[in-house]
């Protein structure tokens, strides 16, 4: 599983999240909601994982 090790990784992860969200919208516009459903499901799973990693990193950083 992907782990954020420093602030630069955190920023890259936030950029990945933003990119996935934009890509979901582009695919939906190009292929319609029905045909883009599988991609959206996969991308949302990745977004969730990245958001969890950011949350974990932020919590660990606050403890130190």
PDB file of N, CA and C in Angstrom:
ATOM      1  N   UNK A   1       0.834  -1.175   0.000  1.00  0.00           N
ATOM      2  CA  UNK A   1       0.000   0.000   0.000  1.00  0.00           C
ATOM      3  C   UNK A   1       0.887   1.250   0.000  1.00  0.00           C
ATOM      4  N   UNK A   2       0.427   2.254  -0.663  1.00  0.00           N
ATOM      5  CA  UNK A   2       1.130   3.524  -0.772  1.00  0.00           C
ATOM      6  C   UNK A   2       1.186   4.210   0.585  1.00  0.00           C
ATOM      7  N   UNK A   3       2.352   4.766   0.933  1.00  0.00           N
ATOM      8  CA  UNK A   3       2.495   5.494   2.189  1.00  0.00           C
ATOM      9  C   UNK A   3       3.109   6.854   1.928  1.00  0.00           C
ATOM     10  N   UNK A   4       2.579   7.839   2.605  1.00  0.00           N
ATOM     11  CA  UNK A   4       3.110   9.192   2.521  1.00  0.00           C
ATOM     12  C   UNK A   4       4.227   9.301   3.548  1.00  0.00           C
ATOM     13  N   UNK A   5       5.411   9.702   3.087  1.00  0.00           N
ATOM     14  CA  UNK A   5       6.566   9.754   3.975  1.00  0.00           C
ATOM     15  C   UNK A   5       6.957  11.171   4.372  1.00  0.00           C
ATOM     16  N   UNK A   6       6.542  12.154   3.566  1.00  0.00           N
ATOM     17  CA  UNK A   6       6.892  13.535   3.880  1.00  0.00           C
ATOM     18  C   UNK A   6       5.884  14.481   3.233  1.00  0.00           C
ATOM     19  N   UNK A   7       6.098  15.763   3.454  1.00  0.00           N
ATOM     20  CA  UNK A   7       5.157  16.768   2.951  1.00  0.00           C
ATOM     21  C   UNK A   7       5.090  16.778   1.418  1.00  0.00           C
ATOM     22  N   UNK A   8       6.201  16.501   0.764  1.00  0.00           N
ATOM     23  CA  UNK A   8       6.201  16.451  -0.706  1.00  0.00           C
ATOM     24  C   UNK A   8       5.310  15.308  -1.201  1.00  0.00           C
ATOM     25  N   UNK A   9       5.397  14.149  -0.545  1.00  0.00           N
ATOM     26  CA  UNK A   9       4.515  13.028  -0.895  1.00  0.00           C
ATOM     27  C   UNK A   9       3.054  13.395  -0.662  1.00  0.00           C
ATOM     28  N   UNK A  10       2.801  14.122   0.421  1.00  0.00           N
ATOM     29  CA  UNK A  10       1.428  14.543   0.727  1.00  0.00           C
ATOM     30  C   UNK A  10       0.885  15.423  -0.396  1.00  0.00           C
ATOM     31  N   UNK A  11       1.687  16.369  -0.850  1.00  0.00           N
ATOM     32  CA  UNK A  11       1.249  17.262  -1.922  1.00  0.00           C
ATOM     33  C   UNK A  11       1.015  16.495  -3.223  1.00  0.00           C
ATOM     34  N   UNK A  12       1.897  15.560  -3.528  1.00  0.00           N
ATOM     35  CA  UNK A  12       1.723  14.734  -4.734  1.00  0.00           C
ATOM     36  C   UNK A  12       0.437  13.915  -4.648  1.00  0.00           C
ATOM     37  N   UNK A  13       0.157  13.402  -3.463  1.00  0.00           N
ATOM     38  CA  UNK A  13      -1.055  12.612  -3.267  1.00  0.00           C
ATOM     39  C   UNK A  13      -2.294  13.470  -3.472  1.00  0.00           C
ATOM     40  N   UNK A  14      -2.278  14.687  -2.950  1.00  0.00           N
ATOM     41  CA  UNK A  14      -3.410  15.594  -3.154  1.00  0.00           C
ATOM     42  C   UNK A  14      -3.586  15.922  -4.637  1.00  0.00           C
ATOM     43  N   UNK A  15      -2.478  16.048  -5.358  1.00  0.00           N
ATOM     44  CA  UNK A  15      -2.550  16.280  -6.806  1.00  0.00           C
ATOM     45  C   UNK A  15      -3.142  15.064  -7.527  1.00  0.00           C
ATOM     46  N   UNK A  16      -2.774  13.868  -7.076  1.00  0.00           N
ATOM     47  CA  UNK A  16      -3.341  12.648  -7.662  1.00  0.00           C
ATOM     48  C   UNK A  16      -4.854  12.606  -7.449  1.00  0.00           C
ATOM     49  N   UNK A  17      -5.289  12.953  -6.253  1.00  0.00           N
ATOM     50  CA  UNK A  17      -6.723  12.972  -5.952  1.00  0.00           C
ATOM     51  C   UNK A  17      -7.435  13.940  -6.886  1.00  0.00           C
ATOM     52  N   UNK A  18      -6.886  15.124  -7.005  1.00  0.00           N
ATOM     53  CA  UNK A  18      -7.481  16.136  -7.884  1.00  0.00           C
ATOM     54  C   UNK A  18      -7.513  15.637  -9.332  1.00  0.00           C
ATOM     55  N   UNK A  19      -6.434  15.006  -9.770  1.00  0.00           N
ATOM     56  CA  UNK A  19      -6.359  14.484 -11.128  1.00  0.00           C
ATOM     57  C   UNK A  19      -7.380  13.384 -11.390  1.00  0.00           C
ATOM     58  N   UNK A  20      -7.544  12.472 -10.428  1.00  0.00           N
ATOM     59  CA  UNK A  20      -8.536  11.412 -10.583  1.00  0.00           C
ATOM     60  C   UNK A  20      -9.941  11.990 -10.686  1.00  0.00           C
ATOM     61  N   UNK A  21     -10.237  12.983  -9.854  1.00  0.00           N
ATOM     62  CA  UNK A  21     -11.571  13.595  -9.896  1.00  0.00           C
ATOM     63  C   UNK A  21     -11.823  14.262 -11.246  1.00  0.00           C
ATOM     64  N   UNK A  22     -10.819  14.936 -11.771  1.00  0.00           N
ATOM     65  CA  UNK A  22     -10.962  15.577 -13.082  1.00  0.00           C
ATOM     66  C   UNK A  22     -11.108  14.528 -14.181  1.00  0.00           C
ATOM     67  N   UNK A  23     -10.364  13.444 -14.059  1.00  0.00           N
ATOM     68  CA  UNK A  23     -10.426  12.391 -15.066  1.00  0.00           C
ATOM     69  C   UNK A  23     -11.788  11.696 -15.060  1.00  0.00           C
ATOM     70  N   UNK A  24     -12.371  11.514 -13.897  1.00  0.00           N
ATOM     71  CA  UNK A  24     -13.717  10.939 -13.813  1.00  0.00           C
ATOM     72  C   UNK A  24     -14.682  11.791 -14.624  1.00  0.00           C
ATOM     73  N   UNK A  25     -14.594  13.095 -14.450  1.00  0.00           N
ATOM     74  CA  UNK A  25     -15.497  14.004 -15.163  1.00  0.00           C
ATOM     75  C   UNK A  25     -15.251  13.959 -16.674  1.00  0.00           C
ATOM     76  N   UNK A  26     -13.982  13.921 -17.086  1.00  0.00           N
ATOM     77  CA  UNK A  26     -13.674  13.853 -18.525  1.00  0.00           C
ATOM     78  C   UNK A  26     -14.217  12.569 -19.153  1.00  0.00           C
ATOM     79  N   UNK A  27     -14.039  11.458 -18.469  1.00  0.00           N
ATOM     80  CA  UNK A  27     -14.530  10.181 -18.990  1.00  0.00           C
ATOM     81  C   UNK A  27     -16.056  10.195 -19.047  1.00  0.00           C
ATOM     82  N   UNK A  28     -16.691  10.749 -18.028  1.00  0.00           N
ATOM     83  CA  UNK A  28     -18.148  10.824 -18.016  1.00  0.00           C
ATOM     84  C   UNK A  28     -18.661  11.664 -19.176  1.00  0.00           C
ATOM     85  N   UNK A  29     -18.007  12.790 -19.421  1.00  0.00           N
ATOM     86  CA  UNK A  29     -18.435  13.657 -20.515  1.00  0.00           C
ATOM     87  C   UNK A  29     -18.220  12.993 -21.876  1.00  0.00           C
ATOM     88  N   UNK A  30     -17.126  12.281 -22.005  1.00  0.00           N
ATOM     89  CA  UNK A  30     -16.799  11.662 -23.293  1.00  0.00           C
ATOM     90  C   UNK A  30     -17.642  10.417 -23.578  1.00  0.00           C
ATOM     91  N   UNK A  31     -17.879   9.595 -22.564  1.00  0.00           N
ATOM     92  CA  UNK A  31     -18.523   8.301 -22.768  1.00  0.00           C
ATOM     93  C   UNK A  31     -19.918   8.190 -22.155  1.00  0.00           C
ATOM     94  N   UNK A  32     -20.330   9.191 -21.398  1.00  0.00           N
ATOM     95  CA  UNK A  32     -21.636   9.131 -20.750  1.00  0.00           C
ATOM     96  C   UNK A  32     -21.575   8.390 -19.427  1.00  0.00           C
ATOM     97  N   UNK A  33     -22.575   8.601 -18.580  1.00  0.00           N
ATOM     98  CA  UNK A  33     -22.544   8.020 -17.232  1.00  0.00           C
ATOM     99  C   UNK A  33     -22.600   6.488 -17.211  1.00  0.00           C
ATOM    100  N   UNK A  34     -23.321   5.896 -18.132  1.00  0.00           N
ATOM    101  CA  UNK A  34     -23.434   4.430 -18.138  1.00  0.00           C
ATOM    102  C   UNK A  34     -22.103   3.760 -18.485  1.00  0.00           C
ATOM    103  N   UNK A  35     -21.480   4.213 -19.542  1.00  0.00           N
ATOM    104  CA  UNK A  35     -20.234   3.583 -20.003  1.00  0.00           C
ATOM    105  C   UNK A  35     -19.049   3.917 -19.103  1.00  0.00           C
ATOM    106  N   UNK A  36     -19.132   5.003 -18.369  1.00  0.00           N
ATOM    107  CA  UNK A  36     -18.001   5.410 -17.533  1.00  0.00           C
ATOM    108  C   UNK A  36     -18.104   4.887 -16.100  1.00  0.00           C
ATOM    109  N   UNK A  37     -19.139   4.146 -15.793  1.00  0.00           N
ATOM    110  CA  UNK A  37     -19.373   3.685 -14.419  1.00  0.00           C
ATOM    111  C   UNK A  37     -18.210   2.855 -13.870  1.00  0.00           C
ATOM    112  N   UNK A  38     -17.669   1.936 -14.650  1.00  0.00           N
ATOM    113  CA  UNK A  38     -16.565   1.090 -14.168  1.00  0.00           C
ATOM    114  C   UNK A  38     -15.331   1.916 -13.846  1.00  0.00           C
ATOM    115  N   UNK A  39     -15.004   2.854 -14.723  1.00  0.00           N
ATOM    116  CA  UNK A  39     -13.845   3.708 -14.453  1.00  0.00           C
ATOM    117  C   UNK A  39     -14.074   4.520 -13.187  1.00  0.00           C
ATOM    118  N   UNK A  40     -15.262   5.066 -13.042  1.00  0.00           N
ATOM    119  CA  UNK A  40     -15.580   5.877 -11.866  1.00  0.00           C
ATOM    120  C   UNK A  40     -15.422   5.056 -10.584  1.00  0.00           C
ATOM    121  N   UNK A  41     -15.892   3.824 -10.602  1.00  0.00           N
ATOM    122  CA  UNK A  41     -15.778   2.955  -9.429  1.00  0.00           C
ATOM    123  C   UNK A  41     -14.317   2.720  -9.065  1.00  0.00           C
ATOM    124  N   UNK A  42     -13.494   2.412 -10.066  1.00  0.00           N
ATOM    125  CA  UNK A  42     -12.071   2.173  -9.824  1.00  0.00           C
ATOM    126  C   UNK A  42     -11.390   3.439  -9.312  1.00  0.00           C
ATOM    127  N   UNK A  43     -11.674   4.561  -9.950  1.00  0.00           N
ATOM    128  CA  UNK A  43     -11.037   5.818  -9.566  1.00  0.00           C
ATOM    129  C   UNK A  43     -11.454   6.236  -8.165  1.00  0.00           C
ATOM    130  N   UNK A  44     -12.711   6.045  -7.818  1.00  0.00           N
ATOM    131  CA  UNK A  44     -13.176   6.413  -6.478  1.00  0.00           C
ATOM    132  C   UNK A  44     -12.518   5.556  -5.409  1.00  0.00           C
ATOM    133  N   UNK A  45     -12.221   4.300  -5.722  1.00  0.00           N
ATOM    134  CA  UNK A  45     -11.497   3.447  -4.777  1.00  0.00           C
ATOM    135  C   UNK A  45     -10.084   3.985  -4.549  1.00  0.00           C
ATOM    136  N   UNK A  46      -9.432   4.403  -5.626  1.00  0.00           N
ATOM    137  CA  UNK A  46      -8.089   4.979  -5.504  1.00  0.00           C
ATOM    138  C   UNK A  46      -8.138   6.285  -4.715  1.00  0.00           C
ATOM    139  N   UNK A  47      -9.120   7.122  -5.009  1.00  0.00           N
ATOM    140  CA  UNK A  47      -9.273   8.389  -4.292  1.00  0.00           C
ATOM    141  C   UNK A  47      -9.446   8.118  -2.801  1.00  0.00           C
ATOM    142  N   UNK A  48     -10.272   7.154  -2.464  1.00  0.00           N
ATOM    143  CA  UNK A  48     -10.509   6.817  -1.057  1.00  0.00           C
ATOM    144  C   UNK A  48      -9.213   6.378  -0.378  1.00  0.00           C
ATOM    145  N   UNK A  49      -8.431   5.544  -1.061  1.00  0.00           N
ATOM    146  CA  UNK A  49      -7.156   5.097  -0.494  1.00  0.00           C
ATOM    147  C   UNK A  49      -6.209   6.272  -0.285  1.00  0.00           C
ATOM    148  N   UNK A  50      -6.113   7.143  -1.278  1.00  0.00           N
ATOM    149  CA  UNK A  50      -5.240   8.309  -1.154  1.00  0.00           C
ATOM    150  C   UNK A  50      -5.706   9.227  -0.024  1.00  0.00           C
ATOM    151  N   UNK A  51      -7.018   9.439   0.084  1.00  0.00           N
ATOM    152  CA  UNK A  51      -7.539  10.295   1.153  1.00  0.00           C
ATOM    153  C   UNK A  51      -7.251   9.700   2.526  1.00  0.00           C
ATOM    154  N   UNK A  52      -7.335   8.378   2.644  1.00  0.00           N
ATOM    155  CA  UNK A  52      -7.006   7.711   3.905  1.00  0.00           C
ATOM    156  C   UNK A  52      -5.530   7.899   4.249  1.00  0.00           C
ATOM    157  N   UNK A  53      -4.663   7.821   3.242  1.00  0.00           N
ATOM    158  CA  UNK A  53      -3.240   8.014   3.485  1.00  0.00           C
ATOM    159  C   UNK A  53      -2.938   9.442   3.937  1.00  0.00           C
ATOM    160  N   UNK A  54      -3.597  10.413   3.325  1.00  0.00           N
ATOM    161  CA  UNK A  54      -3.414  11.809   3.738  1.00  0.00           C
ATOM    162  C   UNK A  54      -3.887  11.980   5.178  1.00  0.00           C
ATOM    163  N   UNK A  55      -5.030  11.407   5.494  1.00  0.00           N
ATOM    164  CA  UNK A  55      -5.581  11.500   6.849  1.00  0.00           C
ATOM    165  C   UNK A  55      -4.625  10.868   7.867  1.00  0.00           C
ATOM    166  N   UNK A  56      -4.116   9.685   7.543  1.00  0.00           N
ATOM    167  CA  UNK A  56      -3.178   8.997   8.433  1.00  0.00           C
ATOM    168  C   UNK A  56      -1.907   9.818   8.620  1.00  0.00           C
ATOM    169  N   UNK A  57      -1.362  10.331   7.533  1.00  0.00           N
ATOM    170  CA  UNK A  57      -0.154  11.156   7.612  1.00  0.00           C
ATOM    171  C   UNK A  57      -0.399  12.376   8.492  1.00  0.00           C
ATOM    172  N   UNK A  58      -1.524  13.058   8.283  1.00  0.00           N
ATOM    173  CA  UNK A  58      -1.838  14.253   9.071  1.00  0.00           C
ATOM    174  C   UNK A  58      -1.977  13.920  10.556  1.00  0.00           C
ATOM    175  N   UNK A  59      -2.605  12.790  10.869  1.00  0.00           N
ATOM    176  CA  UNK A  59      -2.758  12.383  12.264  1.00  0.00           C
ATOM    177  C   UNK A  59      -1.405  12.073  12.897  1.00  0.00           C
ATOM    178  N   UNK A  60      -0.550  11.369  12.172  1.00  0.00           N
ATOM    179  CA  UNK A  60       0.780  11.051  12.695  1.00  0.00           C
ATOM    180  C   UNK A  60       1.614  12.311  12.879  1.00  0.00           C
ATOM    181  N   UNK A  61       1.494  13.219  11.959  1.00  0.00           N
ATOM    182  CA  UNK A  61       2.243  14.472  12.039  1.00  0.00           C
ATOM    183  C   UNK A  61       1.802  15.296  13.253  1.00  0.00           C
ATOM    184  N   UNK A  62       0.516  15.292  13.562  1.00  0.00           N
ATOM    185  CA  UNK A  62       0.007  16.037  14.714  1.00  0.00           C
ATOM    186  C   UNK A  62       0.514  15.459  16.028  1.00  0.00           C
ATOM    187  N   UNK A  63       0.713  14.158  16.082  1.00  0.00           N
ATOM    188  CA  UNK A  63       1.186  13.512  17.309  1.00  0.00           C
ATOM    189  C   UNK A  63       2.632  13.865  17.619  1.00  0.00           C
ATOM    190  N   UNK A  64       3.405  14.128  16.580  1.00  0.00           N
ATOM    191  CA  UNK A  64       4.841  14.405  16.780  1.00  0.00           C
ATOM    192  C   UNK A  64       5.070  15.829  17.008  1.00  0.00           C
TER     193      UNK A  64
END
